[in-house]
């Protein structure tokens, strides 16, 4: 059975291919873990492996691209008027539930400058949300932005080790514990 080859559209296909690769990586990594073959990502995106490696020279670069979408979502949330710690914990729970394999690679590659950049951006998100909560009188004065960041990292790590069938319940319980621990007394 002959397979149809897509016509090579040259450089104009680059942005579309990149978007397709990131979306495919998110799905493949969620299903099979971050060590899934990169050929599976290229296949799911409908591009050749050469295209994958032109955009992402290694696995870390691809994982960082997926995580950057998550960070952008978190930055948008933090920048919205009235964003709360509960909003942040809810969004992180949702992201971690579908991207659990990604946190393992981020921990393993924490010294990579591309991964450090993600951490720096997340620290800004935590600081912004903490400032919102202080202004609203909901965050205990003893809680720092670093504490918020630690709590969110603990939540994401917990969800990465929780069976998928239990994640929704565990995420809700963990969010309640963190919210209670951080609230003004």
N, C-alpha and C. Protein backbone atom coordinates (compact mmCIF):
# COMPACT_ATOMS: atom_id res chain seq x y z
N UNK A 1 0.85 -1.16 0.00
CA UNK A 1 0.00 0.00 0.00
C UNK A 1 0.90 1.23 0.00
N UNK A 2 0.89 2.04 -1.06
CA UNK A 2 1.76 3.20 -1.12
C UNK A 2 1.30 4.28 -0.15
N UNK A 3 2.28 4.92 0.49
CA UNK A 3 1.92 6.00 1.40
C UNK A 3 2.10 7.32 0.68
N UNK A 4 1.21 8.25 0.99
CA UNK A 4 1.30 9.56 0.39
C UNK A 4 2.33 10.39 1.12
N UNK A 5 3.25 10.98 0.38
CA UNK A 5 4.25 11.86 0.96
C UNK A 5 3.73 13.28 0.89
N UNK A 6 3.94 14.02 1.97
CA UNK A 6 3.57 15.42 1.96
C UNK A 6 4.60 16.17 1.12
N UNK A 7 4.12 17.15 0.39
CA UNK A 7 5.02 17.99 -0.39
C UNK A 7 5.86 18.82 0.56
N UNK A 8 7.13 18.98 0.25
CA UNK A 8 8.02 19.78 1.06
C UNK A 8 7.73 21.25 0.78
N UNK A 9 7.25 21.95 1.80
CA UNK A 9 6.90 23.36 1.64
C UNK A 9 8.07 24.27 2.00
N UNK A 10 9.20 23.71 2.34
CA UNK A 10 10.39 24.51 2.63
C UNK A 10 10.27 25.28 3.93
N UNK A 11 11.01 26.37 4.04
CA UNK A 11 11.07 27.14 5.28
C UNK A 11 9.73 27.69 5.76
N UNK A 12 8.79 27.90 4.85
CA UNK A 12 7.49 28.46 5.27
C UNK A 12 6.74 27.51 6.20
N UNK A 13 7.06 26.23 6.17
CA UNK A 13 6.39 25.26 7.04
C UNK A 13 6.98 25.23 8.44
N UNK A 14 8.10 25.90 8.65
CA UNK A 14 8.80 25.84 9.93
C UNK A 14 7.95 26.13 11.15
N UNK A 15 7.29 27.29 11.22
CA UNK A 15 6.49 27.58 12.42
C UNK A 15 5.37 26.58 12.66
N UNK A 16 4.72 26.15 11.58
CA UNK A 16 3.64 25.16 11.72
C UNK A 16 4.21 23.82 12.21
N UNK A 17 5.34 23.42 11.66
CA UNK A 17 5.98 22.17 12.09
C UNK A 17 6.37 22.24 13.56
N UNK A 18 6.91 23.37 13.97
CA UNK A 18 7.33 23.53 15.38
C UNK A 18 6.12 23.38 16.30
N UNK A 19 5.02 24.07 15.97
CA UNK A 19 3.80 23.95 16.78
C UNK A 19 3.31 22.50 16.83
N UNK A 20 3.34 21.83 15.69
CA UNK A 20 2.89 20.44 15.63
C UNK A 20 3.79 19.54 16.48
N UNK A 21 5.10 19.80 16.44
CA UNK A 21 6.04 19.00 17.23
C UNK A 21 5.82 19.19 18.73
N UNK A 22 5.59 20.41 19.16
CA UNK A 22 5.37 20.67 20.59
C UNK A 22 4.07 20.00 21.03
N UNK A 23 3.01 20.13 20.24
CA UNK A 23 1.73 19.50 20.59
C UNK A 23 1.88 17.98 20.63
N UNK A 24 2.58 17.43 19.66
CA UNK A 24 2.79 15.97 19.62
C UNK A 24 3.63 15.52 20.81
N UNK A 25 4.67 16.28 21.14
CA UNK A 25 5.51 15.92 22.28
C UNK A 25 4.70 15.90 23.57
N UNK A 26 3.84 16.89 23.74
CA UNK A 26 3.00 16.94 24.95
C UNK A 26 2.18 15.66 25.06
N UNK A 27 1.60 15.23 23.96
CA UNK A 27 0.77 14.02 23.96
C UNK A 27 1.61 12.76 24.17
N UNK A 28 2.69 12.63 23.42
CA UNK A 28 3.52 11.43 23.50
C UNK A 28 4.14 11.30 24.89
N UNK A 29 4.66 12.40 25.42
CA UNK A 29 5.28 12.35 26.75
C UNK A 29 4.24 12.04 27.83
N UNK A 30 3.02 12.57 27.67
CA UNK A 30 1.96 12.27 28.65
C UNK A 30 1.60 10.79 28.62
N UNK A 31 1.59 10.20 27.42
CA UNK A 31 1.21 8.79 27.28
C UNK A 31 2.34 7.83 27.65
N UNK A 32 3.56 8.12 27.16
CA UNK A 32 4.65 7.16 27.24
C UNK A 32 5.85 7.60 28.06
N UNK A 33 5.77 8.78 28.65
CA UNK A 33 6.89 9.28 29.45
C UNK A 33 7.88 10.05 28.61
N UNK A 34 8.73 10.77 29.29
CA UNK A 34 9.68 11.66 28.63
C UNK A 34 10.78 10.90 27.90
N UNK A 35 10.92 9.63 28.18
CA UNK A 35 11.94 8.84 27.48
C UNK A 35 11.38 8.17 26.22
N UNK A 36 10.15 8.50 25.85
CA UNK A 36 9.56 7.94 24.62
C UNK A 36 10.45 8.30 23.43
N UNK A 37 10.47 7.44 22.43
CA UNK A 37 11.31 7.73 21.26
C UNK A 37 10.89 9.04 20.58
N UNK A 38 11.88 9.85 20.25
CA UNK A 38 11.58 11.11 19.56
C UNK A 38 10.99 10.86 18.18
N UNK A 39 11.27 9.68 17.62
CA UNK A 39 10.66 9.34 16.33
C UNK A 39 9.13 9.28 16.46
N UNK A 40 8.64 8.87 17.64
CA UNK A 40 7.19 8.83 17.87
C UNK A 40 6.61 10.24 17.87
N UNK A 41 7.36 11.20 18.38
CA UNK A 41 6.93 12.60 18.39
C UNK A 41 6.85 13.11 16.95
N UNK A 42 7.90 12.85 16.18
CA UNK A 42 7.92 13.31 14.78
C UNK A 42 6.77 12.68 14.00
N UNK A 43 6.55 11.38 14.19
CA UNK A 43 5.48 10.68 13.50
C UNK A 43 4.12 11.29 13.86
N UNK A 44 3.90 11.51 15.15
CA UNK A 44 2.61 12.07 15.59
C UNK A 44 2.41 13.47 15.02
N UNK A 45 3.50 14.23 14.88
CA UNK A 45 3.41 15.59 14.35
C UNK A 45 3.26 15.60 12.83
N UNK A 46 3.52 14.46 12.19
CA UNK A 46 3.42 14.38 10.75
C UNK A 46 4.60 15.01 10.03
N UNK A 47 5.77 14.99 10.70
CA UNK A 47 6.98 15.55 10.09
C UNK A 47 8.09 14.51 10.17
N UNK A 48 9.15 14.73 9.45
CA UNK A 48 10.30 13.84 9.51
C UNK A 48 11.18 14.15 10.71
N UNK A 49 12.04 13.19 11.04
CA UNK A 49 12.94 13.39 12.18
C UNK A 49 13.91 14.54 11.92
N UNK A 50 14.27 14.77 10.67
CA UNK A 50 15.15 15.90 10.36
C UNK A 50 14.52 17.21 10.78
N UNK A 51 13.22 17.34 10.55
CA UNK A 51 12.51 18.55 10.96
C UNK A 51 12.51 18.68 12.48
N UNK A 52 12.29 17.57 13.17
CA UNK A 52 12.31 17.60 14.63
C UNK A 52 13.65 18.11 15.12
N UNK A 53 14.74 17.56 14.60
CA UNK A 53 16.07 17.94 15.08
C UNK A 53 16.49 19.33 14.63
N UNK A 54 15.91 19.86 13.55
CA UNK A 54 16.18 21.25 13.17
C UNK A 54 15.59 22.20 14.20
N UNK A 55 14.43 21.85 14.73
CA UNK A 55 13.78 22.70 15.73
C UNK A 55 14.28 22.42 17.14
N UNK A 56 14.56 21.17 17.43
CA UNK A 56 14.92 20.75 18.79
C UNK A 56 16.11 19.80 18.72
N UNK A 57 17.31 20.31 18.95
CA UNK A 57 18.51 19.50 18.76
C UNK A 57 18.65 18.34 19.74
N UNK A 58 17.90 18.39 20.86
CA UNK A 58 17.96 17.29 21.82
C UNK A 58 16.65 17.21 22.60
N UNK A 59 16.52 16.19 23.39
CA UNK A 59 15.30 15.93 24.16
C UNK A 59 14.99 17.09 25.12
N UNK A 60 16.03 17.60 25.77
CA UNK A 60 15.82 18.69 26.73
C UNK A 60 15.20 19.89 26.03
N UNK A 61 15.68 20.23 24.84
CA UNK A 61 15.14 21.37 24.11
C UNK A 61 13.65 21.18 23.82
N UNK A 62 13.25 19.97 23.48
CA UNK A 62 11.85 19.68 23.21
C UNK A 62 11.01 19.77 24.48
N UNK A 63 11.50 19.20 25.56
CA UNK A 63 10.77 19.25 26.83
C UNK A 63 10.64 20.71 27.29
N UNK A 64 11.70 21.49 27.16
CA UNK A 64 11.65 22.89 27.56
C UNK A 64 10.59 23.63 26.74
N UNK A 65 10.47 23.33 25.45
CA UNK A 65 9.45 23.98 24.62
C UNK A 65 8.04 23.64 25.12
N UNK A 66 7.83 22.41 25.53
CA UNK A 66 6.52 22.02 26.06
C UNK A 66 6.27 22.76 27.38
N UNK A 67 7.26 22.78 28.26
CA UNK A 67 7.11 23.44 29.56
C UNK A 67 6.94 24.94 29.40
N UNK A 68 7.60 25.53 28.40
CA UNK A 68 7.46 26.98 28.19
C UNK A 68 6.01 27.35 27.92
N UNK A 69 5.28 26.50 27.23
CA UNK A 69 3.85 26.77 27.04
C UNK A 69 3.12 26.78 28.38
N UNK A 70 3.48 25.86 29.26
CA UNK A 70 2.88 25.83 30.60
C UNK A 70 3.23 27.10 31.37
N UNK A 71 4.49 27.51 31.30
CA UNK A 71 4.93 28.70 32.03
C UNK A 71 4.22 29.94 31.49
N UNK A 72 4.06 30.02 30.19
CA UNK A 72 3.35 31.16 29.59
C UNK A 72 1.92 31.22 30.12
N UNK A 73 1.27 30.06 30.23
CA UNK A 73 -0.08 30.00 30.80
C UNK A 73 -0.08 30.49 32.24
N UNK A 74 0.92 30.07 33.01
CA UNK A 74 1.02 30.49 34.41
C UNK A 74 1.30 31.99 34.52
N UNK A 75 2.13 32.52 33.62
CA UNK A 75 2.42 33.95 33.62
C UNK A 75 1.16 34.76 33.31
N UNK A 76 0.36 34.27 32.37
CA UNK A 76 -0.89 34.95 32.05
C UNK A 76 -1.84 34.93 33.24
N UNK A 77 -1.90 33.81 33.93
CA UNK A 77 -2.74 33.71 35.12
C UNK A 77 -2.25 34.70 36.18
N UNK A 78 -0.95 34.72 36.45
CA UNK A 78 -0.40 35.59 37.48
C UNK A 78 -0.63 37.06 37.15
N UNK A 79 -0.61 37.39 35.87
CA UNK A 79 -0.81 38.78 35.45
C UNK A 79 -2.25 39.23 35.44
N UNK A 80 -3.18 38.31 35.57
CA UNK A 80 -4.61 38.66 35.56
C UNK A 80 -4.99 39.31 36.89
N UNK A 81 -5.85 40.30 36.81
CA UNK A 81 -6.32 40.97 38.03
C UNK A 81 -6.98 39.96 38.96
N UNK A 82 -6.60 40.00 40.21
CA UNK A 82 -7.22 39.16 41.22
C UNK A 82 -6.81 37.71 41.21
N UNK A 83 -5.72 37.36 40.51
CA UNK A 83 -5.30 35.96 40.52
C UNK A 83 -4.92 35.56 41.94
N UNK A 84 -5.27 34.33 42.29
CA UNK A 84 -5.09 33.86 43.65
C UNK A 84 -4.15 32.65 43.70
N UNK A 85 -3.72 32.34 44.90
CA UNK A 85 -2.92 31.14 45.10
C UNK A 85 -3.71 29.91 44.69
N UNK A 86 -4.99 29.88 44.99
CA UNK A 86 -5.81 28.73 44.60
C UNK A 86 -5.87 28.61 43.09
N UNK A 87 -5.96 29.73 42.38
CA UNK A 87 -5.93 29.70 40.91
C UNK A 87 -4.63 29.07 40.42
N UNK A 88 -3.51 29.49 41.03
CA UNK A 88 -2.20 28.96 40.64
C UNK A 88 -2.12 27.47 40.92
N UNK A 89 -2.54 27.05 42.11
CA UNK A 89 -2.47 25.63 42.46
C UNK A 89 -3.38 24.80 41.56
N UNK A 90 -4.53 25.33 41.20
CA UNK A 90 -5.45 24.61 40.32
C UNK A 90 -4.84 24.43 38.93
N UNK A 91 -4.26 25.50 38.38
CA UNK A 91 -3.67 25.40 37.05
C UNK A 91 -2.45 24.47 37.05
N UNK A 92 -1.61 24.58 38.08
CA UNK A 92 -0.45 23.68 38.16
C UNK A 92 -0.92 22.24 38.27
N UNK A 93 -1.97 22.00 39.04
CA UNK A 93 -2.51 20.63 39.17
C UNK A 93 -2.95 20.10 37.81
N UNK A 94 -3.64 20.93 37.06
CA UNK A 94 -4.11 20.50 35.73
C UNK A 94 -2.93 20.23 34.81
N UNK A 95 -1.95 21.12 34.82
CA UNK A 95 -0.77 20.93 33.97
C UNK A 95 0.01 19.69 34.38
N UNK A 96 0.23 19.52 35.67
CA UNK A 96 1.02 18.38 36.14
C UNK A 96 0.31 17.06 35.88
N UNK A 97 -1.00 17.08 35.89
CA UNK A 97 -1.75 15.85 35.66
C UNK A 97 -1.58 15.31 34.26
N UNK A 98 -1.34 16.20 33.28
CA UNK A 98 -1.15 15.73 31.92
C UNK A 98 0.31 15.74 31.49
N UNK A 99 1.18 16.31 32.29
CA UNK A 99 2.59 16.42 31.92
C UNK A 99 3.50 15.89 33.02
N UNK A 100 3.10 14.82 33.68
CA UNK A 100 3.85 14.33 34.83
C UNK A 100 5.28 13.95 34.50
N UNK A 101 5.50 13.40 33.32
CA UNK A 101 6.85 12.96 32.96
C UNK A 101 7.82 14.12 32.82
N UNK A 102 7.31 15.29 32.54
CA UNK A 102 8.18 16.43 32.30
C UNK A 102 8.91 16.88 33.55
N UNK A 103 8.27 16.79 34.71
CA UNK A 103 8.92 17.26 35.92
C UNK A 103 10.15 16.43 36.26
N UNK A 104 10.14 15.14 35.94
CA UNK A 104 11.31 14.30 36.20
C UNK A 104 12.52 14.77 35.41
N UNK A 105 12.31 15.09 34.14
CA UNK A 105 13.42 15.55 33.32
C UNK A 105 13.91 16.92 33.80
N UNK A 106 13.00 17.79 34.22
CA UNK A 106 13.41 19.11 34.70
C UNK A 106 14.29 18.98 35.94
N UNK A 107 13.97 18.05 36.81
CA UNK A 107 14.79 17.84 38.00
C UNK A 107 16.15 17.27 37.60
N UNK A 108 16.14 16.31 36.70
CA UNK A 108 17.39 15.67 36.28
C UNK A 108 18.31 16.65 35.55
N UNK A 109 17.74 17.62 34.86
CA UNK A 109 18.53 18.56 34.06
C UNK A 109 18.55 19.96 34.65
N UNK A 110 18.38 20.09 35.95
CA UNK A 110 18.24 21.41 36.57
C UNK A 110 19.43 22.33 36.36
N UNK A 111 20.61 21.80 36.06
CA UNK A 111 21.78 22.64 35.83
C UNK A 111 21.89 23.16 34.40
N UNK A 112 21.06 22.65 33.52
CA UNK A 112 21.04 23.10 32.13
C UNK A 112 20.46 24.53 32.11
N UNK A 113 21.13 25.45 31.42
CA UNK A 113 20.68 26.86 31.41
C UNK A 113 19.26 26.99 30.88
N UNK A 114 18.87 26.13 29.95
CA UNK A 114 17.50 26.21 29.42
C UNK A 114 16.48 25.86 30.48
N UNK A 115 16.83 24.94 31.36
CA UNK A 115 15.93 24.54 32.43
C UNK A 115 15.93 25.60 33.54
N UNK A 116 17.10 26.16 33.85
CA UNK A 116 17.17 27.22 34.86
C UNK A 116 16.27 28.39 34.47
N UNK A 117 16.23 28.70 33.19
CA UNK A 117 15.40 29.80 32.70
C UNK A 117 13.92 29.55 33.05
N UNK A 118 13.49 28.32 32.92
CA UNK A 118 12.10 27.96 33.27
C UNK A 118 11.88 28.22 34.76
N UNK A 119 12.83 27.81 35.59
CA UNK A 119 12.73 28.04 37.03
C UNK A 119 12.66 29.51 37.38
N UNK A 120 13.44 30.33 36.68
CA UNK A 120 13.43 31.77 36.94
C UNK A 120 12.07 32.38 36.57
N UNK A 121 11.53 31.94 35.46
CA UNK A 121 10.21 32.44 35.06
C UNK A 121 9.14 32.01 36.06
N UNK A 122 9.25 30.77 36.54
CA UNK A 122 8.27 30.30 37.52
C UNK A 122 8.40 31.06 38.83
N UNK A 123 9.62 31.40 39.23
CA UNK A 123 9.82 32.16 40.46
C UNK A 123 9.10 33.51 40.37
N UNK A 124 9.11 34.13 39.19
CA UNK A 124 8.39 35.39 38.98
C UNK A 124 6.89 35.19 39.13
N UNK A 125 6.38 34.08 38.61
CA UNK A 125 4.96 33.77 38.75
C UNK A 125 4.61 33.64 40.22
N UNK A 126 5.40 32.88 40.96
CA UNK A 126 5.13 32.69 42.40
C UNK A 126 5.17 34.02 43.15
N UNK A 127 6.14 34.86 42.82
CA UNK A 127 6.26 36.17 43.49
C UNK A 127 5.04 37.05 43.18
N UNK A 128 4.58 37.03 41.95
CA UNK A 128 3.42 37.85 41.56
C UNK A 128 2.16 37.39 42.28
N UNK A 129 1.95 36.08 42.31
CA UNK A 129 0.76 35.55 42.99
C UNK A 129 0.84 35.80 44.49
N UNK A 130 2.02 35.63 45.08
CA UNK A 130 2.19 35.91 46.51
C UNK A 130 1.88 37.38 46.80
N UNK A 131 2.37 38.29 45.96
CA UNK A 131 2.09 39.71 46.15
C UNK A 131 0.59 39.99 46.08
N UNK A 132 -0.10 39.36 45.14
CA UNK A 132 -1.56 39.51 45.04
C UNK A 132 -2.23 39.05 46.33
N UNK A 133 -1.78 37.93 46.84
CA UNK A 133 -2.38 37.36 48.06
C UNK A 133 -2.08 38.23 49.29
N UNK A 134 -0.88 38.79 49.38
CA UNK A 134 -0.56 39.71 50.48
C UNK A 134 -1.48 40.92 50.44
N UNK A 135 -1.62 41.52 49.25
CA UNK A 135 -2.46 42.71 49.11
C UNK A 135 -3.91 42.42 49.50
N UNK A 136 -4.36 41.23 49.18
CA UNK A 136 -5.75 40.86 49.50
C UNK A 136 -5.91 40.40 50.95
N UNK A 137 -4.80 40.29 51.68
CA UNK A 137 -4.87 39.88 53.08
C UNK A 137 -5.13 38.39 53.27
N UNK A 138 -4.86 37.59 52.25
CA UNK A 138 -5.12 36.14 52.36
C UNK A 138 -3.89 35.33 52.69
N UNK A 139 -2.69 35.89 52.50
CA UNK A 139 -1.46 35.13 52.71
C UNK A 139 -0.83 35.53 54.03
N UNK A 140 -0.48 34.54 54.83
CA UNK A 140 0.17 34.78 56.11
C UNK A 140 1.48 35.55 55.89
N UNK A 141 1.76 36.50 56.75
CA UNK A 141 2.96 37.33 56.61
C UNK A 141 4.25 36.53 56.66
N UNK A 142 4.22 35.36 57.28
CA UNK A 142 5.43 34.54 57.39
C UNK A 142 5.70 33.73 56.12
N UNK A 143 4.75 33.69 55.22
CA UNK A 143 4.89 32.92 53.98
C UNK A 143 5.57 33.80 52.95
N UNK A 144 6.63 33.28 52.35
CA UNK A 144 7.36 34.03 51.32
C UNK A 144 7.00 33.50 49.93
N UNK A 145 7.42 34.24 48.92
CA UNK A 145 7.23 33.77 47.54
C UNK A 145 7.97 32.45 47.33
N UNK A 146 9.13 32.30 47.97
CA UNK A 146 9.87 31.04 47.87
C UNK A 146 9.07 29.88 48.48
N UNK A 147 8.30 30.16 49.54
CA UNK A 147 7.45 29.13 50.14
C UNK A 147 6.33 28.72 49.16
N UNK A 148 5.77 29.72 48.49
CA UNK A 148 4.73 29.43 47.49
C UNK A 148 5.32 28.56 46.39
N UNK A 149 6.50 28.93 45.93
CA UNK A 149 7.16 28.16 44.87
C UNK A 149 7.42 26.73 45.34
N UNK A 150 7.90 26.57 46.56
CA UNK A 150 8.16 25.25 47.11
C UNK A 150 6.87 24.42 47.18
N UNK A 151 5.79 25.04 47.63
CA UNK A 151 4.51 24.33 47.71
C UNK A 151 4.03 23.86 46.35
N UNK A 152 4.17 24.72 45.36
CA UNK A 152 3.75 24.36 44.01
C UNK A 152 4.63 23.24 43.47
N UNK A 153 5.94 23.32 43.71
CA UNK A 153 6.84 22.25 43.26
C UNK A 153 6.51 20.93 43.96
N UNK A 154 6.17 20.99 45.24
CA UNK A 154 5.78 19.78 45.96
C UNK A 154 4.51 19.17 45.35
N UNK A 155 3.55 20.04 45.03
CA UNK A 155 2.31 19.57 44.42
C UNK A 155 2.59 18.89 43.08
N UNK A 156 3.38 19.54 42.23
CA UNK A 156 3.69 18.96 40.91
C UNK A 156 4.44 17.64 41.06
N UNK A 157 5.39 17.59 41.98
CA UNK A 157 6.15 16.35 42.20
C UNK A 157 5.26 15.23 42.71
N UNK A 158 4.37 15.56 43.63
CA UNK A 158 3.44 14.56 44.15
C UNK A 158 2.58 14.00 43.02
N UNK A 159 2.06 14.87 42.18
CA UNK A 159 1.19 14.41 41.10
C UNK A 159 1.95 13.56 40.09
N UNK A 160 3.24 13.84 39.92
CA UNK A 160 4.01 13.04 38.96
C UNK A 160 4.19 11.60 39.44
N UNK A 161 4.03 11.37 40.73
CA UNK A 161 4.19 10.01 41.29
C UNK A 161 2.85 9.36 41.64
N UNK A 162 1.76 10.03 41.34
CA UNK A 162 0.43 9.53 41.68
C UNK A 162 -0.19 8.86 40.45
N UNK A 163 -0.76 7.67 40.63
CA UNK A 163 -1.43 7.03 39.49
C UNK A 163 -2.49 7.96 38.90
N UNK A 164 -2.63 7.94 37.59
CA UNK A 164 -3.53 8.87 36.92
C UNK A 164 -4.96 8.78 37.43
N UNK A 165 -5.39 7.61 37.84
CA UNK A 165 -6.77 7.45 38.32
C UNK A 165 -7.01 8.16 39.66
N UNK A 166 -5.94 8.50 40.37
CA UNK A 166 -6.07 9.14 41.69
C UNK A 166 -5.68 10.62 41.67
N UNK A 167 -5.20 11.13 40.56
CA UNK A 167 -4.62 12.49 40.53
C UNK A 167 -5.62 13.59 40.88
N UNK A 168 -6.84 13.50 40.40
CA UNK A 168 -7.81 14.57 40.67
C UNK A 168 -8.06 14.68 42.16
N UNK A 169 -8.28 13.56 42.83
CA UNK A 169 -8.53 13.56 44.27
C UNK A 169 -7.30 14.02 45.05
N UNK A 170 -6.15 13.48 44.71
CA UNK A 170 -4.92 13.86 45.41
C UNK A 170 -4.61 15.34 45.20
N UNK A 171 -4.81 15.84 43.99
CA UNK A 171 -4.56 17.26 43.72
C UNK A 171 -5.47 18.14 44.57
N UNK A 172 -6.74 17.78 44.67
CA UNK A 172 -7.69 18.57 45.47
C UNK A 172 -7.27 18.57 46.95
N UNK A 173 -6.89 17.41 47.46
CA UNK A 173 -6.48 17.32 48.87
C UNK A 173 -5.20 18.12 49.11
N UNK A 174 -4.25 18.01 48.22
CA UNK A 174 -2.98 18.74 48.38
C UNK A 174 -3.20 20.25 48.28
N UNK A 175 -4.05 20.69 47.35
CA UNK A 175 -4.35 22.12 47.24
C UNK A 175 -4.99 22.64 48.52
N UNK A 176 -5.89 21.87 49.09
CA UNK A 176 -6.54 22.29 50.35
C UNK A 176 -5.52 22.40 51.47
N UNK A 177 -4.62 21.44 51.56
CA UNK A 177 -3.58 21.51 52.59
C UNK A 177 -2.68 22.73 52.41
N UNK A 178 -2.24 22.97 51.19
CA UNK A 178 -1.37 24.12 50.93
C UNK A 178 -2.10 25.43 51.19
N UNK A 179 -3.32 25.55 50.74
CA UNK A 179 -4.09 26.77 50.96
C UNK A 179 -4.26 27.03 52.45
N UNK A 180 -4.54 25.98 53.20
CA UNK A 180 -4.69 26.13 54.65
C UNK A 180 -3.38 26.52 55.33
N UNK A 181 -2.30 25.94 54.89
CA UNK A 181 -0.99 26.23 55.49
C UNK A 181 -0.54 27.65 55.18
N UNK A 182 -0.91 28.18 54.03
CA UNK A 182 -0.44 29.50 53.62
C UNK A 182 -1.38 30.64 54.01
N UNK A 183 -2.61 30.32 54.41
CA UNK A 183 -3.58 31.38 54.67
C UNK A 183 -3.28 32.15 55.94
N UNK A 184 -3.74 33.40 55.96
CA UNK A 184 -3.54 34.27 57.11
C UNK A 184 -4.22 33.66 58.33
N UNK A 185 -3.51 33.71 59.43
CA UNK A 185 -4.05 33.14 60.69
C UNK A 185 -4.63 34.21 61.54
